[in-house]
Amino acid sequence: MNRFDARFLPCCVAALTFAFSASALADCVPVQGKIANNVIAQGTTLGVVALVYGPKNHNVKLKCALVGSDQGASFPQLHFIHSISCDDAESEVTASGSVPVHSRIVLNTNGQAGPPQSDTQLFTFTESSVPIGGGLGLFEGATGGQLDVRGAVYKSPIDASQPGSIDMTFQGNVCYGQ
């Protein structure tokens, strides 16, 4: 005979409450893409991002610009603030009329350099990026999430001891309401 043991009820209620609360507090959207950029000045990078926002069956493909600002970590540690601005435009009504709003996200990026995988690379790296505010458009209200980044820094064709192109791929999620 199966009998219900009430001693386990508080545990089950607590587990269900936590699971419901966690999902109700955070609405996460998958993102992935590729980045191609260059060092444009000491500590600054500029590039382009091909970003896919949303699940495969309902995604939005964006073309974006990226600016990276080195935060002065000691190599092989890496620390950048990345700002991404995209080519989409939502209209927002203001007192003076309708204005375009392009999606924007600002990310705090930390990582670690690794060995080169070819003779053309200075080094490879892995990074983790988290939203830090300043989101607009699709990213308005982003409060969390994480992007996992893998990349390589290539040798400059002008001076092989200096960085040239930087190629990256990323995937993860952006969360709202955490």
N, C-alpha and C. Protein backbone atom coordinates (compact mmCIF):
# COMPACT_ATOMS: atom_id res chain seq x y z
N MET A 1 0.85 -1.18 0.00
CA MET A 1 0.00 0.00 0.00
C MET A 1 0.89 1.24 0.00
N ASN A 2 0.67 2.18 -0.93
CA ASN A 2 1.42 3.43 -0.98
C ASN A 2 0.80 4.40 -0.01
N ARG A 3 1.61 5.00 0.79
CA ARG A 3 1.12 5.99 1.75
C ARG A 3 1.89 7.27 1.58
N PHE A 4 1.24 8.37 1.71
CA PHE A 4 1.86 9.68 1.65
C PHE A 4 2.49 9.97 3.00
N ASP A 5 3.77 10.33 3.02
CA ASP A 5 4.45 10.66 4.26
C ASP A 5 4.58 12.17 4.34
N ALA A 6 3.83 12.80 5.20
CA ALA A 6 3.78 14.25 5.33
C ALA A 6 5.10 14.86 5.77
N ARG A 7 6.02 14.05 6.28
CA ARG A 7 7.31 14.59 6.71
C ARG A 7 8.09 15.17 5.52
N PHE A 8 7.83 14.70 4.31
CA PHE A 8 8.55 15.17 3.14
C PHE A 8 7.89 16.38 2.50
N LEU A 9 6.70 16.76 2.93
CA LEU A 9 5.96 17.87 2.33
C LEU A 9 6.73 19.19 2.38
N PRO A 10 7.30 19.61 3.52
CA PRO A 10 8.02 20.89 3.53
C PRO A 10 9.19 20.92 2.54
N CYS A 11 9.90 19.81 2.41
CA CYS A 11 11.02 19.74 1.47
C CYS A 11 10.53 19.92 0.04
N CYS A 12 9.48 19.22 -0.32
CA CYS A 12 8.95 19.31 -1.69
C CYS A 12 8.39 20.69 -1.98
N VAL A 13 7.68 21.27 -1.03
CA VAL A 13 7.11 22.61 -1.22
C VAL A 13 8.24 23.62 -1.39
N ALA A 14 9.30 23.50 -0.58
CA ALA A 14 10.42 24.42 -0.69
C ALA A 14 11.11 24.28 -2.04
N ALA A 15 11.31 23.05 -2.51
CA ALA A 15 11.96 22.84 -3.80
C ALA A 15 11.12 23.40 -4.94
N LEU A 16 9.81 23.16 -4.93
CA LEU A 16 8.94 23.68 -5.96
C LEU A 16 8.87 25.20 -5.92
N THR A 17 8.82 25.77 -4.73
CA THR A 17 8.78 27.22 -4.59
C THR A 17 10.04 27.84 -5.15
N PHE A 18 11.21 27.25 -4.84
CA PHE A 18 12.48 27.77 -5.35
C PHE A 18 12.52 27.68 -6.87
N ALA A 19 12.13 26.53 -7.43
CA ALA A 19 12.16 26.36 -8.88
C ALA A 19 11.23 27.36 -9.55
N PHE A 20 10.04 27.55 -9.02
CA PHE A 20 9.10 28.50 -9.61
C PHE A 20 9.63 29.93 -9.47
N SER A 21 10.16 30.27 -8.31
CA SER A 21 10.66 31.63 -8.09
C SER A 21 11.84 31.94 -9.00
N ALA A 22 12.76 31.00 -9.17
CA ALA A 22 13.93 31.23 -10.02
C ALA A 22 13.51 31.45 -11.47
N SER A 23 12.55 30.64 -11.95
CA SER A 23 12.13 30.83 -13.34
C SER A 23 11.30 32.08 -13.50
N ALA A 24 10.54 32.46 -12.48
CA ALA A 24 9.72 33.67 -12.57
C ALA A 24 10.58 34.92 -12.49
N LEU A 25 11.71 34.84 -11.79
CA LEU A 25 12.56 36.02 -11.62
C LEU A 25 13.46 36.28 -12.81
N ALA A 26 13.81 35.25 -13.57
CA ALA A 26 14.75 35.44 -14.66
C ALA A 26 14.17 34.90 -15.97
N ASP A 27 14.14 35.75 -16.97
CA ASP A 27 13.74 35.37 -18.31
C ASP A 27 14.99 35.50 -19.16
N CYS A 28 15.56 34.36 -19.57
CA CYS A 28 16.83 34.39 -20.29
C CYS A 28 16.62 34.10 -21.77
N VAL A 29 17.38 34.79 -22.61
CA VAL A 29 17.30 34.66 -24.06
C VAL A 29 18.66 34.20 -24.57
N PRO A 30 18.71 33.13 -25.39
CA PRO A 30 20.00 32.69 -25.93
C PRO A 30 20.54 33.68 -26.95
N VAL A 31 21.85 33.86 -26.93
CA VAL A 31 22.54 34.68 -27.92
C VAL A 31 23.80 33.95 -28.36
N GLN A 32 24.20 34.19 -29.59
CA GLN A 32 25.44 33.61 -30.11
C GLN A 32 25.92 34.46 -31.27
N GLY A 33 27.18 34.26 -31.64
CA GLY A 33 27.66 35.02 -32.78
C GLY A 33 29.15 34.97 -32.98
N LYS A 34 29.60 35.85 -33.89
CA LYS A 34 31.01 35.96 -34.24
C LYS A 34 31.41 37.42 -34.18
N ILE A 35 32.66 37.65 -33.81
CA ILE A 35 33.22 39.00 -33.72
C ILE A 35 34.52 39.02 -34.51
N ALA A 36 34.71 40.07 -35.30
CA ALA A 36 35.97 40.33 -35.99
C ALA A 36 36.38 41.75 -35.61
N ASN A 37 37.55 41.90 -34.98
CA ASN A 37 37.98 43.24 -34.61
C ASN A 37 39.49 43.40 -34.69
N ASN A 38 39.93 44.62 -34.41
CA ASN A 38 41.34 44.98 -34.46
C ASN A 38 41.67 45.90 -33.29
N VAL A 39 42.94 45.92 -32.93
CA VAL A 39 43.43 46.91 -31.98
C VAL A 39 43.58 48.20 -32.77
N ILE A 40 42.93 49.29 -32.29
CA ILE A 40 43.04 50.56 -33.02
C ILE A 40 43.93 51.57 -32.31
N ALA A 41 44.14 51.37 -31.04
CA ALA A 41 45.03 52.21 -30.23
C ALA A 41 45.38 51.39 -29.00
N GLN A 42 46.39 51.81 -28.29
CA GLN A 42 46.80 51.08 -27.09
C GLN A 42 45.59 50.91 -26.16
N GLY A 43 45.17 49.67 -25.95
CA GLY A 43 44.09 49.39 -25.01
C GLY A 43 42.68 49.53 -25.56
N THR A 44 42.53 49.76 -26.87
CA THR A 44 41.20 49.93 -27.45
C THR A 44 41.06 49.04 -28.68
N THR A 45 39.92 48.37 -28.79
CA THR A 45 39.63 47.56 -29.96
C THR A 45 38.35 48.07 -30.62
N LEU A 46 38.24 47.82 -31.93
CA LEU A 46 37.06 48.21 -32.69
C LEU A 46 36.75 47.08 -33.65
N GLY A 47 35.46 46.68 -33.70
CA GLY A 47 35.13 45.56 -34.57
C GLY A 47 33.66 45.48 -34.93
N VAL A 48 33.32 44.38 -35.58
CA VAL A 48 31.94 44.11 -35.99
C VAL A 48 31.49 42.79 -35.37
N VAL A 49 30.16 42.72 -35.12
CA VAL A 49 29.57 41.54 -34.49
C VAL A 49 28.41 41.06 -35.35
N ALA A 50 28.40 39.77 -35.66
CA ALA A 50 27.23 39.12 -36.26
C ALA A 50 26.56 38.39 -35.10
N LEU A 51 25.43 38.92 -34.63
CA LEU A 51 24.79 38.44 -33.40
C LEU A 51 23.43 37.83 -33.72
N VAL A 52 23.18 36.65 -33.17
CA VAL A 52 21.88 36.00 -33.29
C VAL A 52 21.23 36.03 -31.91
N TYR A 53 20.09 36.72 -31.82
CA TYR A 53 19.39 36.92 -30.55
C TYR A 53 18.12 36.08 -30.56
N GLY A 54 18.01 35.17 -29.62
CA GLY A 54 16.81 34.36 -29.49
C GLY A 54 17.01 32.92 -29.92
N PRO A 55 15.99 32.08 -29.66
CA PRO A 55 16.08 30.66 -30.02
C PRO A 55 16.02 30.47 -31.54
N LYS A 56 16.46 29.31 -32.01
CA LYS A 56 16.57 29.06 -33.44
C LYS A 56 15.28 29.33 -34.21
N ASN A 57 14.15 28.99 -33.65
CA ASN A 57 12.89 29.13 -34.39
C ASN A 57 12.30 30.54 -34.33
N HIS A 58 12.84 31.43 -33.49
CA HIS A 58 12.33 32.80 -33.38
C HIS A 58 13.46 33.80 -33.17
N ASN A 59 14.54 33.67 -33.92
CA ASN A 59 15.69 34.54 -33.65
C ASN A 59 15.69 35.80 -34.50
N VAL A 60 16.48 36.76 -34.05
CA VAL A 60 16.70 38.01 -34.76
C VAL A 60 18.20 38.09 -35.05
N LYS A 61 18.54 38.31 -36.32
CA LYS A 61 19.94 38.43 -36.70
C LYS A 61 20.29 39.91 -36.80
N LEU A 62 21.36 40.28 -36.08
CA LEU A 62 21.76 41.68 -36.01
C LEU A 62 23.20 41.86 -36.50
N LYS A 63 23.45 43.01 -37.12
CA LYS A 63 24.81 43.45 -37.44
C LYS A 63 25.12 44.55 -36.44
N CYS A 64 26.26 44.43 -35.78
CA CYS A 64 26.57 45.35 -34.69
C CYS A 64 28.03 45.82 -34.78
N ALA A 65 28.29 46.93 -34.09
CA ALA A 65 29.65 47.43 -33.90
C ALA A 65 30.08 47.12 -32.48
N LEU A 66 31.37 46.99 -32.26
CA LEU A 66 31.90 46.69 -30.93
C LEU A 66 33.09 47.59 -30.65
N VAL A 67 33.12 48.17 -29.47
CA VAL A 67 34.29 48.89 -28.98
C VAL A 67 34.70 48.23 -27.68
N GLY A 68 35.98 47.92 -27.57
CA GLY A 68 36.52 47.32 -26.36
C GLY A 68 37.51 48.26 -25.69
N SER A 69 37.42 48.35 -24.37
CA SER A 69 38.33 49.20 -23.61
C SER A 69 39.04 48.35 -22.56
N ASP A 70 40.36 48.19 -22.74
CA ASP A 70 41.18 47.39 -21.82
C ASP A 70 41.14 48.02 -20.43
N GLN A 71 40.91 47.18 -19.42
CA GLN A 71 40.82 47.65 -18.04
C GLN A 71 42.11 47.44 -17.26
N GLY A 72 43.20 47.09 -17.95
CA GLY A 72 44.52 47.07 -17.32
C GLY A 72 44.89 45.82 -16.55
N ALA A 73 44.31 44.68 -16.88
CA ALA A 73 44.69 43.43 -16.20
C ALA A 73 46.12 43.06 -16.60
N SER A 74 46.81 42.37 -15.72
CA SER A 74 48.17 41.91 -16.00
C SER A 74 48.13 40.63 -16.83
N PHE A 75 48.76 40.67 -18.01
CA PHE A 75 48.80 39.51 -18.90
C PHE A 75 49.39 38.32 -18.16
N PRO A 76 48.82 37.14 -18.22
CA PRO A 76 47.86 36.62 -19.18
C PRO A 76 46.38 36.83 -18.82
N GLN A 77 46.11 37.54 -17.75
CA GLN A 77 44.71 37.87 -17.45
C GLN A 77 44.22 38.92 -18.45
N LEU A 78 42.93 38.89 -18.76
CA LEU A 78 42.33 39.84 -19.69
C LEU A 78 41.11 40.46 -19.03
N HIS A 79 40.91 41.75 -19.21
CA HIS A 79 39.73 42.43 -18.65
C HIS A 79 39.38 43.62 -19.56
N PHE A 80 38.21 43.54 -20.16
CA PHE A 80 37.72 44.59 -21.06
C PHE A 80 36.30 44.98 -20.69
N ILE A 81 35.94 46.19 -21.00
CA ILE A 81 34.54 46.61 -21.04
C ILE A 81 34.21 46.69 -22.52
N HIS A 82 33.21 45.93 -22.96
CA HIS A 82 32.80 45.91 -24.36
C HIS A 82 31.44 46.57 -24.50
N SER A 83 31.33 47.46 -25.46
CA SER A 83 30.05 48.09 -25.80
C SER A 83 29.68 47.65 -27.20
N ILE A 84 28.46 47.12 -27.34
CA ILE A 84 27.97 46.64 -28.62
C ILE A 84 26.73 47.44 -29.00
N SER A 85 26.70 47.99 -30.21
CA SER A 85 25.57 48.75 -30.72
C SER A 85 25.15 48.14 -32.06
N CYS A 86 23.83 47.88 -32.22
CA CYS A 86 23.35 47.12 -33.37
C CYS A 86 22.56 47.96 -34.37
N ASP A 87 22.30 47.37 -35.54
CA ASP A 87 21.68 48.07 -36.66
C ASP A 87 20.16 48.04 -36.67
N ASP A 88 19.54 47.41 -35.69
CA ASP A 88 18.08 47.40 -35.65
C ASP A 88 17.56 48.75 -35.16
N ALA A 89 16.28 49.00 -35.32
CA ALA A 89 15.72 50.26 -34.85
C ALA A 89 14.27 50.04 -34.42
N GLU A 90 14.04 50.20 -33.13
CA GLU A 90 12.69 50.23 -32.61
C GLU A 90 12.32 51.71 -32.49
N SER A 91 11.06 52.00 -32.63
CA SER A 91 10.62 53.39 -32.45
C SER A 91 10.11 53.57 -31.04
N GLU A 92 10.55 54.62 -30.40
CA GLU A 92 10.07 54.96 -29.08
C GLU A 92 9.45 56.35 -29.15
N VAL A 93 8.24 56.43 -28.64
CA VAL A 93 7.53 57.71 -28.68
C VAL A 93 7.97 58.56 -27.49
N THR A 94 8.36 59.80 -27.80
CA THR A 94 8.74 60.76 -26.78
C THR A 94 7.83 61.98 -26.90
N ALA A 95 7.99 62.93 -26.02
CA ALA A 95 7.17 64.15 -26.05
C ALA A 95 7.37 64.92 -27.34
N SER A 96 8.56 64.79 -27.95
CA SER A 96 8.84 65.55 -29.17
C SER A 96 8.62 64.71 -30.45
N GLY A 97 8.20 63.47 -30.30
CA GLY A 97 7.95 62.63 -31.47
C GLY A 97 8.58 61.26 -31.33
N SER A 98 8.52 60.49 -32.39
CA SER A 98 9.06 59.14 -32.41
C SER A 98 10.56 59.18 -32.72
N VAL A 99 11.35 58.45 -31.95
CA VAL A 99 12.80 58.39 -32.15
C VAL A 99 13.25 56.94 -32.32
N PRO A 100 14.26 56.70 -33.16
CA PRO A 100 14.78 55.34 -33.30
C PRO A 100 15.64 54.96 -32.10
N VAL A 101 15.56 53.70 -31.70
CA VAL A 101 16.40 53.17 -30.63
C VAL A 101 17.11 51.93 -31.17
N HIS A 102 18.43 51.96 -31.21
CA HIS A 102 19.22 50.82 -31.66
C HIS A 102 19.59 49.99 -30.44
N SER A 103 19.54 48.66 -30.58
CA SER A 103 19.89 47.78 -29.46
C SER A 103 21.35 47.99 -29.06
N ARG A 104 21.56 48.04 -27.75
CA ARG A 104 22.91 48.24 -27.21
C ARG A 104 23.04 47.42 -25.93
N ILE A 105 24.22 46.85 -25.74
CA ILE A 105 24.53 46.15 -24.49
C ILE A 105 25.98 46.47 -24.11
N VAL A 106 26.22 46.62 -22.81
CA VAL A 106 27.56 46.87 -22.29
C VAL A 106 27.93 45.66 -21.43
N LEU A 107 29.13 45.12 -21.67
CA LEU A 107 29.55 43.88 -21.03
C LEU A 107 30.87 44.04 -20.28
N ASN A 108 30.94 43.44 -19.11
CA ASN A 108 32.18 43.33 -18.36
C ASN A 108 32.78 41.97 -18.72
N THR A 109 33.97 41.99 -19.32
CA THR A 109 34.57 40.79 -19.88
C THR A 109 35.88 40.49 -19.16
N ASN A 110 35.99 39.27 -18.63
CA ASN A 110 37.20 38.80 -17.98
C ASN A 110 37.64 37.49 -18.61
N GLY A 111 38.95 37.29 -18.73
CA GLY A 111 39.40 36.06 -19.34
C GLY A 111 40.85 35.76 -19.08
N GLN A 112 41.32 34.78 -19.83
CA GLN A 112 42.67 34.24 -19.65
C GLN A 112 43.25 33.94 -21.03
N ALA A 113 44.46 34.40 -21.28
CA ALA A 113 45.16 34.10 -22.52
C ALA A 113 45.74 32.69 -22.45
N GLY A 114 45.82 32.06 -23.62
CA GLY A 114 46.39 30.73 -23.72
C GLY A 114 47.39 30.69 -24.86
N PRO A 115 47.99 29.53 -25.09
CA PRO A 115 49.01 29.42 -26.14
C PRO A 115 48.40 29.55 -27.54
N PRO A 116 49.22 30.02 -28.49
CA PRO A 116 48.74 30.10 -29.87
C PRO A 116 48.50 28.68 -30.41
N GLN A 117 47.56 28.57 -31.36
CA GLN A 117 47.27 27.28 -31.99
C GLN A 117 47.84 27.19 -33.40
N SER A 118 48.46 28.30 -33.86
CA SER A 118 49.12 28.29 -35.17
C SER A 118 50.25 29.32 -35.14
N ASP A 119 51.10 29.26 -36.14
CA ASP A 119 52.24 30.19 -36.23
C ASP A 119 51.79 31.62 -36.51
N THR A 120 50.56 31.82 -36.96
CA THR A 120 50.07 33.16 -37.28
C THR A 120 49.44 33.86 -36.08
N GLN A 121 49.31 33.16 -34.97
CA GLN A 121 48.66 33.73 -33.78
C GLN A 121 49.68 34.17 -32.74
N LEU A 122 49.36 35.27 -32.05
CA LEU A 122 50.14 35.66 -30.87
C LEU A 122 49.70 34.84 -29.67
N PHE A 123 48.36 34.68 -29.50
CA PHE A 123 47.81 33.86 -28.43
C PHE A 123 46.33 33.60 -28.69
N THR A 124 45.78 32.63 -27.97
CA THR A 124 44.35 32.37 -27.96
C THR A 124 43.82 32.81 -26.61
N PHE A 125 42.50 32.80 -26.43
CA PHE A 125 41.95 33.20 -25.14
C PHE A 125 40.54 32.66 -24.96
N THR A 126 40.14 32.59 -23.70
CA THR A 126 38.76 32.32 -23.32
C THR A 126 38.34 33.44 -22.39
N GLU A 127 37.07 33.86 -22.53
CA GLU A 127 36.57 34.96 -21.71
C GLU A 127 35.13 34.66 -21.30
N SER A 128 34.70 35.38 -20.29
CA SER A 128 33.32 35.36 -19.84
C SER A 128 32.85 36.81 -19.76
N SER A 129 31.70 37.09 -20.40
CA SER A 129 31.17 38.45 -20.44
C SER A 129 29.80 38.47 -19.75
N VAL A 130 29.58 39.48 -18.91
CA VAL A 130 28.28 39.65 -18.24
C VAL A 130 27.78 41.07 -18.46
N PRO A 131 26.46 41.22 -18.68
CA PRO A 131 25.89 42.57 -18.85
C PRO A 131 26.07 43.40 -17.58
N ILE A 132 26.38 44.70 -17.77
CA ILE A 132 26.56 45.58 -16.61
C ILE A 132 25.68 46.81 -16.66
N GLY A 133 24.65 46.79 -17.49
CA GLY A 133 23.74 47.93 -17.55
C GLY A 133 23.92 48.70 -18.83
N GLY A 134 23.08 49.70 -19.00
CA GLY A 134 23.17 50.53 -20.20
C GLY A 134 22.52 49.92 -21.41
N GLY A 135 21.71 48.86 -21.22
CA GLY A 135 21.07 48.22 -22.36
C GLY A 135 19.95 49.04 -22.96
N LEU A 136 19.84 48.98 -24.28
CA LEU A 136 18.76 49.63 -25.01
C LEU A 136 18.15 48.62 -25.98
N GLY A 137 16.97 48.93 -26.50
CA GLY A 137 16.33 48.07 -27.49
C GLY A 137 16.10 46.68 -26.96
N LEU A 138 16.57 45.67 -27.69
CA LEU A 138 16.40 44.28 -27.26
C LEU A 138 17.06 44.00 -25.91
N PHE A 139 18.07 44.78 -25.56
CA PHE A 139 18.81 44.55 -24.32
C PHE A 139 18.37 45.44 -23.16
N GLU A 140 17.32 46.23 -23.36
CA GLU A 140 16.83 47.08 -22.27
C GLU A 140 16.34 46.20 -21.13
N GLY A 141 16.81 46.49 -19.93
CA GLY A 141 16.41 45.72 -18.76
C GLY A 141 17.24 44.47 -18.52
N ALA A 142 18.30 44.24 -19.31
CA ALA A 142 19.17 43.08 -19.07
C ALA A 142 19.82 43.21 -17.71
N THR A 143 19.68 42.19 -16.89
CA THR A 143 20.20 42.23 -15.52
C THR A 143 21.19 41.11 -15.23
N GLY A 144 21.38 40.22 -16.17
CA GLY A 144 22.28 39.10 -15.91
C GLY A 144 22.51 38.29 -17.15
N GLY A 145 23.01 37.09 -16.92
CA GLY A 145 23.36 36.20 -18.01
C GLY A 145 24.86 36.14 -18.16
N GLN A 146 25.30 35.38 -19.15
CA GLN A 146 26.74 35.22 -19.38
C GLN A 146 26.98 34.78 -20.81
N LEU A 147 28.00 35.34 -21.42
CA LEU A 147 28.45 34.91 -22.73
C LEU A 147 29.82 34.27 -22.57
N ASP A 148 29.97 33.08 -23.11
CA ASP A 148 31.26 32.39 -23.11
C ASP A 148 31.93 32.68 -24.45
N VAL A 149 33.15 33.21 -24.39
CA VAL A 149 33.85 33.69 -25.57
C VAL A 149 35.13 32.90 -25.77
N ARG A 150 35.40 32.53 -27.02
CA ARG A 150 36.67 31.90 -27.39
C ARG A 150 37.23 32.70 -28.56
N GLY A 151 38.55 32.92 -28.52
CA GLY A 151 39.11 33.72 -29.59
C GLY A 151 40.59 33.54 -29.78
N ALA A 152 41.09 34.28 -30.77
CA ALA A 152 42.51 34.27 -31.08
C ALA A 152 42.94 35.66 -31.51
N VAL A 153 44.14 36.03 -31.08
CA VAL A 153 44.77 37.29 -31.52
C VAL A 153 45.86 36.91 -32.51
N TYR A 154 45.74 37.47 -33.72
CA TYR A 154 46.68 37.16 -34.79
C TYR A 154 47.79 38.19 -34.85
N LYS A 155 48.91 37.79 -35.43
CA LYS A 155 50.05 38.68 -35.60
C LYS A 155 49.73 39.74 -36.64
N SER A 156 50.19 40.95 -36.39
CA SER A 156 50.01 42.04 -37.35
C SER A 156 50.85 41.76 -38.59
N PRO A 157 50.30 42.01 -39.79
CA PRO A 157 51.12 41.83 -41.00
C PRO A 157 52.21 42.89 -41.13
N ILE A 158 52.09 43.97 -40.36
CA ILE A 158 53.09 45.05 -40.40
C ILE A 158 54.24 44.74 -39.45
N ASP A 159 53.91 44.24 -38.25
CA ASP A 159 54.91 43.92 -37.24
C ASP A 159 54.42 42.67 -36.51
N ALA A 160 55.02 41.52 -36.82
CA ALA A 160 54.56 40.23 -36.29
C ALA A 160 54.63 40.11 -34.77
N SER A 161 55.31 41.05 -34.11
CA SER A 161 55.36 41.00 -32.64
C SER A 161 54.17 41.74 -32.02
N GLN A 162 53.37 42.41 -32.86
CA GLN A 162 52.23 43.20 -32.38
C GLN A 162 50.91 42.54 -32.78
N PRO A 163 49.85 42.84 -32.02
CA PRO A 163 48.55 42.25 -32.37
C PRO A 163 47.98 42.84 -33.65
N GLY A 164 47.32 41.98 -34.40
CA GLY A 164 46.60 42.39 -35.61
C GLY A 164 45.13 42.10 -35.42
N SER A 165 44.59 41.24 -36.24
CA SER A 165 43.17 40.90 -36.16
C SER A 165 42.89 40.05 -34.93
N ILE A 166 41.66 40.21 -34.42
CA ILE A 166 41.19 39.43 -33.28
C ILE A 166 39.86 38.81 -33.70
N ASP A 167 39.79 37.48 -33.73
CA ASP A 167 38.57 36.77 -34.10
C ASP A 167 38.02 36.03 -32.90
N MET A 168 36.69 36.11 -32.73
CA MET A 168 36.04 35.49 -31.58
C MET A 168 34.72 34.85 -31.98
N THR A 169 34.32 33.85 -31.23
CA THR A 169 32.96 33.32 -31.28
C THR A 169 32.41 33.37 -29.86
N PHE A 170 31.09 33.46 -29.74
CA PHE A 170 30.49 33.50 -28.40
C PHE A 170 29.13 32.83 -28.42
N GLN A 171 28.74 32.37 -27.24
CA GLN A 171 27.40 31.86 -27.03
C GLN A 171 27.06 31.95 -25.55
N GLY A 172 25.79 32.06 -25.25
CA GLY A 172 25.35 32.16 -23.88
C GLY A 172 23.94 32.68 -23.82
N ASN A 173 23.67 33.49 -22.81
CA ASN A 173 22.33 34.05 -22.68
C ASN A 173 22.38 35.41 -22.00
N VAL A 174 21.34 36.17 -22.27
CA VAL A 174 21.13 37.46 -21.61
C VAL A 174 19.82 37.31 -20.83
N CYS A 175 19.86 37.69 -19.55
CA CYS A 175 18.70 37.48 -18.69
C CYS A 175 18.10 38.81 -18.25
N TYR A 176 16.81 38.78 -18.02
CA TYR A 176 16.03 39.96 -17.65
C TYR A 176 15.28 39.65 -16.37
N GLY A 177 15.25 40.62 -15.46
CA GLY A 177 14.43 40.49 -14.26
C GLY A 177 15.00 39.63 -13.16
N GLN A 178 16.33 39.48 -13.09
CA GLN A 178 16.93 38.68 -12.02
C GLN A 178 16.95 39.46 -10.73
